[in-house]
Amino acid sequence: MFKALKSIFSRSTSSNANADGNNARALHFADNEAAFGYACEYIDTTIREEAFIPAIVTRVDKSAKGDTWIALKIASPDGGFEWISAPRDPSMHLQAGDLAIFWVGQTTPVLTGLVVNTVYPELHPTRGWKIKR
């Protein structure tokens, strides 16, 4: 299931991108914060089920049981909001400052979702964010 999701979110486009197929050029940002700022300003970050939204990892913690919890700043038009999530894969190596993709699982009664991957600060208008492998 998550391979399909990875394929879907890697193809998301920015709302102001001029998609010209193979001739389109990727946007390369100076760092993760710059890419996050661009996402807040120019990308549709509407919170809806099945959405993939850029986020900055602000903290990573392990519970007493060994579960990983990730504090995020999720992109939004007002500059982002803080939220807590878990990784899709418990073996993911995340650290504060990473640019990540948050997958929205449900929005009611409370927002839930997973961090599905980390990405480089590089956005192609037709292929989406460049995924870290």
Protein backbone atom coordinates (compact mmCIF):
# COMPACT_ATOMS: atom_id res chain seq x y z
CA MET A 1 0.00 0.00 0.00
CA PHE A 2 2.73 2.50 0.91
CA LYS A 3 4.62 1.89 -2.34
CA ALA A 4 1.51 3.09 -4.13
CA LEU A 5 1.26 6.06 -1.78
CA LYS A 6 4.92 6.93 -2.37
CA SER A 7 4.25 6.88 -6.10
CA ILE A 8 1.24 9.15 -5.70
CA PHE A 9 2.82 11.79 -3.50
CA SER A 10 6.00 11.94 -5.55
CA ARG A 11 3.84 13.14 -8.44
CA SER A 12 2.07 15.97 -6.60
CA THR A 13 2.56 19.38 -8.18
CA SER A 14 2.69 22.88 -6.86
CA SER A 15 -0.32 25.04 -7.61
CA ASN A 16 1.75 27.65 -9.48
CA ALA A 17 4.00 25.26 -11.42
CA ASN A 18 4.02 25.52 -15.18
CA ALA A 19 3.98 21.80 -15.96
CA ASP A 20 5.67 21.31 -19.32
CA GLY A 21 6.35 17.58 -19.17
CA ASN A 22 9.99 16.64 -19.59
CA ASN A 23 11.07 20.25 -20.29
CA ALA A 24 10.05 21.44 -16.83
CA ARG A 25 12.88 22.29 -14.46
CA ALA A 26 13.03 21.42 -10.80
CA LEU A 27 13.19 24.12 -8.15
CA HIS A 28 16.29 23.72 -5.98
CA PHE A 29 16.04 25.37 -2.57
CA ALA A 30 18.96 26.52 -0.43
CA ASP A 31 17.82 24.31 2.46
CA ASN A 32 14.86 22.49 4.00
CA GLU A 33 13.50 25.64 5.66
CA ALA A 34 13.43 27.48 2.33
CA ALA A 35 11.59 24.56 0.70
CA PHE A 36 9.13 24.50 3.62
CA GLY A 37 8.51 28.25 3.26
CA TYR A 38 7.80 27.78 -0.44
CA ALA A 39 5.36 24.97 0.36
CA CYS A 40 3.51 27.18 2.84
CA GLU A 41 3.18 29.99 0.33
CA TYR A 42 2.62 28.26 -2.99
CA ILE A 43 1.50 24.65 -2.57
CA ASP A 44 -2.03 23.50 -1.78
CA THR A 45 -1.66 22.36 1.82
CA THR A 46 -5.36 21.82 2.49
CA ILE A 47 -5.80 19.24 5.25
CA ARG A 48 -7.96 16.52 3.72
CA GLU A 49 -7.88 12.75 3.91
CA GLU A 50 -5.23 11.12 1.69
CA ALA A 51 -3.33 14.42 1.24
CA PHE A 52 0.48 14.48 1.26
CA ILE A 53 1.80 17.64 2.89
CA PRO A 54 5.38 18.82 3.37
CA ALA A 55 6.54 19.17 6.98
CA ILE A 56 9.69 19.94 8.95
CA VAL A 57 10.71 17.47 11.65
CA THR A 58 11.23 19.46 14.85
CA ARG A 59 11.93 16.60 17.25
CA VAL A 60 12.15 12.79 17.34
CA ASP A 61 11.51 10.83 20.55
CA LYS A 62 11.22 7.20 21.57
CA SER A 63 8.57 6.06 24.05
CA ALA A 64 9.33 3.68 26.91
CA LYS A 65 7.97 0.89 24.69
CA GLY A 66 10.35 1.86 21.88
CA ASP A 67 7.78 3.57 19.63
CA THR A 68 9.03 6.55 17.64
CA TRP A 69 7.11 9.84 17.90
CA ILE A 70 7.85 12.75 15.60
CA ALA A 71 7.09 16.38 16.33
CA LEU A 72 6.36 18.18 13.06
CA LYS A 73 5.65 21.59 11.70
CA ILE A 74 3.15 20.85 8.92
CA ALA A 75 3.01 23.31 6.02
CA SER A 76 0.00 25.62 5.88
CA PRO A 77 -0.73 29.07 4.43
CA ASP A 78 -0.12 30.69 7.84
CA GLY A 79 3.43 29.34 8.08
CA GLY A 80 2.72 25.89 9.47
CA PHE A 81 1.38 24.29 12.63
CA GLU A 82 2.81 21.88 15.18
CA TRP A 83 1.62 18.26 15.28
CA ILE A 84 2.75 14.85 16.53
CA SER A 85 2.94 11.81 14.28
CA ALA A 86 4.54 8.41 13.90
CA PRO A 87 6.65 7.14 11.02
CA ARG A 88 5.15 4.80 8.43
CA ASP A 89 8.19 2.59 8.92
CA PRO A 90 9.58 2.25 12.47
CA SER A 91 13.09 1.84 11.04
CA MET A 92 13.03 5.29 9.37
CA HIS A 93 15.98 7.43 10.42
CA LEU A 94 14.58 10.89 11.08
CA GLN A 95 16.16 13.86 12.76
CA ALA A 96 15.22 17.43 13.58
CA GLY A 97 15.45 19.62 10.49
CA ASP A 98 14.49 16.91 7.99
CA LEU A 99 12.01 17.86 5.27
CA ALA A 100 9.35 15.17 5.38
CA ILE A 101 6.03 14.27 3.82
CA PHE A 102 3.06 13.89 6.17
CA TRP A 103 0.24 11.67 4.86
CA VAL A 104 -3.18 12.63 6.23
CA GLY A 105 -5.06 9.52 7.32
CA GLN A 106 -8.17 11.12 8.78
CA THR A 107 -9.28 14.61 9.75
CA THR A 108 -12.13 13.91 12.17
CA PRO A 109 -12.61 13.57 15.05
CA VAL A 110 -8.89 14.40 15.21
CA LEU A 111 -6.13 14.74 12.61
CA THR A 112 -4.12 11.56 12.20
CA GLY A 113 -1.49 10.52 9.72
CA LEU A 114 2.03 9.24 9.22
CA VAL A 115 5.38 10.54 8.14
CA VAL A 116 5.82 8.53 4.96
CA ASN A 117 9.21 9.71 3.75
CA THR A 118 11.88 12.36 3.82
CA VAL A 119 12.65 14.45 0.75
CA TYR A 120 15.37 16.70 -0.59
CA PRO A 121 14.67 20.43 -0.89
CA GLU A 122 14.04 19.94 -4.60
CA LEU A 123 10.61 20.19 -6.23
CA HIS A 124 9.87 19.21 -9.81
CA PRO A 125 6.61 20.69 -11.15
CA THR A 126 5.35 17.36 -12.55
CA ARG A 127 7.17 14.73 -10.48
CA GLY A 128 6.93 16.42 -7.08
CA TRP A 129 9.50 16.34 -4.25
CA LYS A 130 12.70 14.37 -4.76
CA ILE A 131 12.49 11.43 -2.35
CA LYS A 132 15.49 10.43 -0.25
CA ARG A 133 16.27 6.76 -0.81
